Amino acid sequence: MSYTASMVVGNNDTALAAGSGSLLVLATPRMIALMEEAAMKCVADSLSASDTTVGTLMNVSHVKASPMGADIRAVAELTAVDGRKLSFSVKAYQGETLIGEGTHERFVVNIERFMSKLG
């Protein structure tokens, strides 16, 4: 299974806006969020209405900067299922250029039970 999420780098997506840098380029945290979105949506239709997934681990490199206005896409591919643990390969691109890649883990949780544990 795989899913592609996309975005255009805007003012709120920059390193300056995120506080992760001082330049008007795609912020690493924003790239990671797009990767998580792709992974979450990759499996969302396979879950029951009472379940969702939560991200627990992200290990990525951000290897190339992207300017404001750039079209970015993140591709998540489900690589392993171990009970409730889901493992993904995640990659981000600007056009055909790889700008980031890594691995991501999510866990399937029951929404009501998960939310009841918050305090």
N, C-alpha and C. Protein backbone atom coordinates (compact mmCIF):
# COMPACT_ATOMS: atom_id res chain seq x y z
N MET A 1 0.84 -1.18 0.00
CA MET A 1 0.00 0.00 0.00
C MET A 1 0.89 1.24 0.00
N SER A 2 0.43 2.27 -0.69
CA SER A 2 1.16 3.54 -0.65
C SER A 2 0.16 4.68 -0.81
N TYR A 3 0.60 5.87 -0.43
CA TYR A 3 -0.22 7.06 -0.53
C TYR A 3 0.70 8.25 -0.76
N THR A 4 0.24 9.21 -1.56
CA THR A 4 1.00 10.42 -1.83
C THR A 4 0.20 11.63 -1.35
N ALA A 5 0.83 12.45 -0.51
CA ALA A 5 0.25 13.70 -0.04
C ALA A 5 1.05 14.83 -0.67
N SER A 6 0.40 15.94 -0.95
CA SER A 6 1.13 17.03 -1.60
C SER A 6 0.78 18.38 -0.98
N MET A 7 1.64 19.35 -1.27
CA MET A 7 1.46 20.71 -0.76
C MET A 7 2.28 21.67 -1.60
N VAL A 8 1.99 22.95 -1.46
CA VAL A 8 2.80 24.02 -2.04
C VAL A 8 3.38 24.79 -0.87
N VAL A 9 4.68 25.03 -0.87
CA VAL A 9 5.34 25.73 0.23
C VAL A 9 4.83 27.16 0.30
N GLY A 10 4.19 27.49 1.42
CA GLY A 10 3.68 28.83 1.67
C GLY A 10 4.35 29.46 2.87
N ASN A 11 3.92 30.66 3.23
CA ASN A 11 4.52 31.40 4.35
C ASN A 11 4.57 30.60 5.64
N ASN A 12 3.49 29.87 5.96
CA ASN A 12 3.41 29.13 7.21
C ASN A 12 4.21 27.83 7.20
N ASP A 13 4.77 27.46 6.06
CA ASP A 13 5.52 26.20 5.92
C ASP A 13 7.03 26.40 5.99
N THR A 14 7.47 27.62 6.19
CA THR A 14 8.91 27.92 6.13
C THR A 14 9.61 27.65 7.45
N ALA A 15 10.92 27.52 7.36
CA ALA A 15 11.75 27.35 8.56
C ALA A 15 11.60 28.57 9.47
N LEU A 16 11.52 29.74 8.88
CA LEU A 16 11.35 30.96 9.66
C LEU A 16 10.05 30.92 10.46
N ALA A 17 8.95 30.55 9.82
CA ALA A 17 7.65 30.48 10.49
C ALA A 17 7.61 29.39 11.56
N ALA A 18 8.27 28.27 11.30
CA ALA A 18 8.25 27.15 12.24
C ALA A 18 9.20 27.36 13.42
N GLY A 19 10.11 28.32 13.29
CA GLY A 19 11.10 28.52 14.34
C GLY A 19 12.23 27.52 14.29
N SER A 20 12.35 26.81 13.17
CA SER A 20 13.40 25.79 13.05
C SER A 20 14.59 26.29 12.24
N GLY A 21 14.52 27.54 11.80
CA GLY A 21 15.59 28.14 11.02
C GLY A 21 15.24 29.58 10.72
N SER A 22 16.09 30.24 9.95
CA SER A 22 15.88 31.66 9.69
C SER A 22 15.60 31.97 8.22
N LEU A 23 15.42 30.94 7.41
CA LEU A 23 15.25 31.15 5.97
C LEU A 23 13.83 30.85 5.51
N LEU A 24 13.47 31.44 4.38
CA LEU A 24 12.16 31.21 3.77
C LEU A 24 12.23 30.01 2.83
N VAL A 25 12.49 28.83 3.42
CA VAL A 25 12.53 27.55 2.72
C VAL A 25 11.66 26.57 3.49
N LEU A 26 11.30 25.46 2.85
CA LEU A 26 10.48 24.45 3.51
C LEU A 26 11.13 24.01 4.82
N ALA A 27 10.37 24.11 5.90
CA ALA A 27 10.85 23.69 7.22
C ALA A 27 10.89 22.17 7.31
N THR A 28 11.91 21.65 7.93
CA THR A 28 11.99 20.20 8.14
C THR A 28 10.77 19.68 8.90
N PRO A 29 10.31 20.36 9.96
CA PRO A 29 9.10 19.85 10.64
C PRO A 29 7.88 19.79 9.72
N ARG A 30 7.79 20.69 8.78
CA ARG A 30 6.65 20.68 7.84
C ARG A 30 6.77 19.52 6.86
N MET A 31 8.00 19.23 6.41
CA MET A 31 8.21 18.08 5.54
C MET A 31 7.83 16.80 6.28
N ILE A 32 8.23 16.70 7.54
CA ILE A 32 7.92 15.53 8.34
C ILE A 32 6.41 15.38 8.53
N ALA A 33 5.73 16.50 8.76
CA ALA A 33 4.26 16.45 8.91
C ALA A 33 3.60 15.94 7.64
N LEU A 34 4.12 16.34 6.49
CA LEU A 34 3.55 15.85 5.22
C LEU A 34 3.79 14.35 5.07
N MET A 35 4.96 13.88 5.49
CA MET A 35 5.25 12.45 5.46
C MET A 35 4.30 11.68 6.38
N GLU A 36 4.07 12.23 7.58
CA GLU A 36 3.13 11.59 8.51
C GLU A 36 1.72 11.56 7.94
N GLU A 37 1.32 12.65 7.30
CA GLU A 37 -0.01 12.69 6.66
C GLU A 37 -0.14 11.59 5.63
N ALA A 38 0.88 11.41 4.81
CA ALA A 38 0.84 10.37 3.78
C ALA A 38 0.73 8.99 4.41
N ALA A 39 1.48 8.74 5.47
CA ALA A 39 1.43 7.44 6.14
C ALA A 39 0.07 7.20 6.79
N MET A 40 -0.45 8.21 7.47
CA MET A 40 -1.75 8.08 8.12
C MET A 40 -2.83 7.78 7.10
N LYS A 41 -2.84 8.52 6.00
CA LYS A 41 -3.87 8.32 4.98
C LYS A 41 -3.67 7.02 4.19
N CYS A 42 -2.45 6.51 4.17
CA CYS A 42 -2.15 5.26 3.46
C CYS A 42 -3.00 4.11 3.99
N VAL A 43 -3.22 4.09 5.29
CA VAL A 43 -3.93 2.96 5.90
C VAL A 43 -5.31 3.33 6.44
N ALA A 44 -5.68 4.60 6.40
CA ALA A 44 -6.92 5.06 7.04
C ALA A 44 -8.15 4.30 6.57
N ASP A 45 -8.26 4.04 5.29
CA ASP A 45 -9.45 3.35 4.77
C ASP A 45 -9.50 1.87 5.14
N SER A 46 -8.40 1.34 5.67
CA SER A 46 -8.35 -0.07 6.06
C SER A 46 -8.74 -0.29 7.52
N LEU A 47 -8.95 0.80 8.25
CA LEU A 47 -9.25 0.70 9.68
C LEU A 47 -10.74 0.78 9.93
N SER A 48 -11.17 0.26 11.07
CA SER A 48 -12.57 0.41 11.47
C SER A 48 -12.79 1.87 11.88
N ALA A 49 -14.05 2.28 11.93
CA ALA A 49 -14.38 3.67 12.28
C ALA A 49 -13.96 4.02 13.70
N SER A 50 -13.77 3.02 14.56
CA SER A 50 -13.39 3.27 15.95
C SER A 50 -11.88 3.31 16.16
N ASP A 51 -11.11 3.07 15.10
CA ASP A 51 -9.65 3.05 15.20
C ASP A 51 -9.01 4.16 14.37
N THR A 52 -7.79 4.50 14.75
CA THR A 52 -6.95 5.42 13.99
C THR A 52 -5.50 4.99 14.19
N THR A 53 -4.57 5.74 13.63
CA THR A 53 -3.16 5.47 13.89
C THR A 53 -2.52 6.70 14.50
N VAL A 54 -1.51 6.46 15.32
CA VAL A 54 -0.73 7.54 15.90
C VAL A 54 0.75 7.31 15.58
N GLY A 55 1.44 8.39 15.26
CA GLY A 55 2.85 8.29 14.95
C GLY A 55 3.66 8.14 16.22
N THR A 56 4.67 7.26 16.19
CA THR A 56 5.50 7.02 17.37
C THR A 56 6.99 7.15 17.10
N LEU A 57 7.40 7.09 15.84
CA LEU A 57 8.82 7.17 15.52
C LEU A 57 9.00 7.72 14.11
N MET A 58 9.93 8.64 13.97
CA MET A 58 10.25 9.20 12.66
C MET A 58 11.77 9.31 12.59
N ASN A 59 12.34 8.75 11.55
CA ASN A 59 13.79 8.83 11.35
C ASN A 59 14.01 9.24 9.90
N VAL A 60 14.26 10.54 9.67
CA VAL A 60 14.37 11.04 8.31
C VAL A 60 15.56 11.99 8.16
N SER A 61 15.98 12.11 6.91
CA SER A 61 16.97 13.13 6.55
C SER A 61 16.30 14.11 5.60
N HIS A 62 16.68 15.37 5.73
CA HIS A 62 16.17 16.43 4.84
C HIS A 62 17.39 16.91 4.07
N VAL A 63 17.51 16.49 2.81
CA VAL A 63 18.77 16.63 2.08
C VAL A 63 18.83 17.79 1.09
N LYS A 64 17.68 18.42 0.82
CA LYS A 64 17.70 19.52 -0.16
C LYS A 64 16.63 20.54 0.21
N ALA A 65 17.01 21.80 0.17
CA ALA A 65 16.08 22.89 0.49
C ALA A 65 15.09 23.12 -0.65
N SER A 66 13.90 23.60 -0.28
CA SER A 66 12.85 23.91 -1.27
C SER A 66 12.35 25.32 -1.01
N PRO A 67 12.24 26.14 -2.07
CA PRO A 67 11.83 27.54 -1.89
C PRO A 67 10.32 27.69 -1.73
N MET A 68 9.92 28.88 -1.35
CA MET A 68 8.50 29.23 -1.31
C MET A 68 7.91 28.99 -2.70
N GLY A 69 6.68 28.48 -2.72
CA GLY A 69 5.99 28.23 -3.97
C GLY A 69 6.28 26.88 -4.59
N ALA A 70 7.24 26.12 -4.03
CA ALA A 70 7.59 24.81 -4.59
C ALA A 70 6.48 23.80 -4.34
N ASP A 71 6.24 22.94 -5.33
CA ASP A 71 5.31 21.81 -5.18
C ASP A 71 6.06 20.66 -4.54
N ILE A 72 5.55 20.19 -3.40
CA ILE A 72 6.19 19.11 -2.64
C ILE A 72 5.21 17.96 -2.56
N ARG A 73 5.73 16.74 -2.67
CA ARG A 73 4.90 15.56 -2.46
C ARG A 73 5.65 14.60 -1.56
N ALA A 74 4.91 13.96 -0.69
CA ALA A 74 5.46 12.94 0.20
C ALA A 74 4.78 11.62 -0.12
N VAL A 75 5.58 10.58 -0.24
CA VAL A 75 5.08 9.25 -0.55
C VAL A 75 5.38 8.33 0.63
N ALA A 76 4.34 7.69 1.15
CA ALA A 76 4.50 6.72 2.23
C ALA A 76 4.13 5.35 1.68
N GLU A 77 5.00 4.39 1.94
CA GLU A 77 4.74 3.01 1.51
C GLU A 77 4.77 2.11 2.74
N LEU A 78 3.69 1.39 2.97
CA LEU A 78 3.63 0.45 4.09
C LEU A 78 4.59 -0.69 3.82
N THR A 79 5.54 -0.91 4.71
CA THR A 79 6.58 -1.93 4.49
C THR A 79 6.45 -3.13 5.42
N ALA A 80 5.78 -2.96 6.57
CA ALA A 80 5.64 -4.09 7.50
C ALA A 80 4.48 -3.85 8.44
N VAL A 81 3.84 -4.95 8.83
CA VAL A 81 2.78 -4.92 9.84
C VAL A 81 3.15 -5.95 10.89
N ASP A 82 3.26 -5.51 12.16
CA ASP A 82 3.58 -6.40 13.27
C ASP A 82 2.55 -6.15 14.36
N GLY A 83 1.43 -6.86 14.29
CA GLY A 83 0.34 -6.61 15.21
C GLY A 83 -0.24 -5.23 14.95
N ARG A 84 -0.19 -4.37 15.97
CA ARG A 84 -0.70 -3.01 15.82
C ARG A 84 0.35 -2.04 15.28
N LYS A 85 1.60 -2.48 15.19
CA LYS A 85 2.70 -1.61 14.72
C LYS A 85 2.80 -1.65 13.20
N LEU A 86 2.79 -0.46 12.59
CA LEU A 86 2.91 -0.32 11.14
C LEU A 86 4.20 0.40 10.82
N SER A 87 4.96 -0.12 9.86
CA SER A 87 6.22 0.51 9.45
C SER A 87 6.09 1.01 8.02
N PHE A 88 6.66 2.19 7.78
CA PHE A 88 6.57 2.83 6.48
C PHE A 88 7.93 3.29 6.01
N SER A 89 8.11 3.28 4.69
CA SER A 89 9.19 4.01 4.03
C SER A 89 8.57 5.33 3.60
N VAL A 90 9.24 6.44 3.90
CA VAL A 90 8.70 7.75 3.53
C VAL A 90 9.75 8.51 2.72
N LYS A 91 9.27 9.18 1.67
CA LYS A 91 10.14 9.99 0.82
C LYS A 91 9.41 11.27 0.45
N ALA A 92 10.17 12.36 0.34
CA ALA A 92 9.59 13.64 -0.10
C ALA A 92 10.34 14.11 -1.33
N TYR A 93 9.58 14.71 -2.25
CA TYR A 93 10.14 15.14 -3.53
C TYR A 93 9.69 16.57 -3.84
N GLN A 94 10.57 17.29 -4.52
CA GLN A 94 10.21 18.53 -5.20
C GLN A 94 10.37 18.20 -6.68
N GLY A 95 9.26 18.07 -7.40
CA GLY A 95 9.32 17.56 -8.76
C GLY A 95 9.83 16.13 -8.70
N GLU A 96 10.88 15.84 -9.44
CA GLU A 96 11.47 14.50 -9.42
C GLU A 96 12.69 14.42 -8.50
N THR A 97 13.03 15.53 -7.84
CA THR A 97 14.20 15.59 -6.97
C THR A 97 13.86 15.15 -5.56
N LEU A 98 14.57 14.15 -5.05
CA LEU A 98 14.39 13.69 -3.67
C LEU A 98 14.90 14.77 -2.73
N ILE A 99 14.04 15.19 -1.79
CA ILE A 99 14.47 16.20 -0.82
C ILE A 99 14.55 15.65 0.60
N GLY A 100 13.96 14.48 0.83
CA GLY A 100 14.02 13.88 2.16
C GLY A 100 13.55 12.44 2.10
N GLU A 101 14.06 11.62 3.03
CA GLU A 101 13.65 10.21 3.07
C GLU A 101 13.95 9.62 4.42
N GLY A 102 13.26 8.51 4.70
CA GLY A 102 13.51 7.82 5.96
C GLY A 102 12.46 6.77 6.25
N THR A 103 12.28 6.51 7.54
CA THR A 103 11.32 5.52 7.99
C THR A 103 10.40 6.13 9.04
N HIS A 104 9.22 5.54 9.17
CA HIS A 104 8.21 6.05 10.09
C HIS A 104 7.44 4.87 10.66
N GLU A 105 7.11 4.93 11.95
CA GLU A 105 6.29 3.90 12.58
C GLU A 105 5.04 4.53 13.15
N ARG A 106 3.94 3.82 13.02
CA ARG A 106 2.66 4.23 13.57
C ARG A 106 2.04 3.02 14.28
N PHE A 107 1.16 3.28 15.23
CA PHE A 107 0.44 2.21 15.92
C PHE A 107 -1.05 2.42 15.72
N VAL A 108 -1.76 1.32 15.52
CA VAL A 108 -3.21 1.35 15.44
C VAL A 108 -3.74 1.42 16.87
N VAL A 109 -4.61 2.39 17.13
CA VAL A 109 -5.20 2.55 18.46
C VAL A 109 -6.71 2.71 18.34
N ASN A 110 -7.40 2.30 19.39
CA ASN A 110 -8.83 2.57 19.52
C ASN A 110 -8.96 4.01 19.99
N ILE A 111 -9.70 4.82 19.24
CA ILE A 111 -9.79 6.26 19.52
C ILE A 111 -10.30 6.54 20.92
N GLU A 112 -11.42 5.91 21.30
CA GLU A 112 -12.02 6.17 22.61
C GLU A 112 -11.07 5.78 23.75
N ARG A 113 -10.47 4.62 23.65
CA ARG A 113 -9.55 4.14 24.69
C ARG A 113 -8.32 5.04 24.77
N PHE A 114 -7.78 5.43 23.62
CA PHE A 114 -6.60 6.30 23.58
C PHE A 114 -6.90 7.65 24.23
N MET A 115 -8.01 8.26 23.85
CA MET A 115 -8.36 9.58 24.39
C MET A 115 -8.69 9.53 25.88
N SER A 116 -9.23 8.40 26.35
CA SER A 116 -9.58 8.29 27.77
C SER A 116 -8.35 8.23 28.67
N LYS A 117 -7.20 7.91 28.10
CA LYS A 117 -5.96 7.80 28.88
C LYS A 117 -5.24 9.14 29.03
N LEU A 118 -5.72 10.16 28.32
CA LEU A 118 -5.10 11.49 28.42
C LEU A 118 -5.59 12.15 29.70
N GLY A 119 -4.74 12.92 30.31
CA GLY A 119 -5.21 13.55 31.54
C GLY A 119 -4.52 14.73 31.85
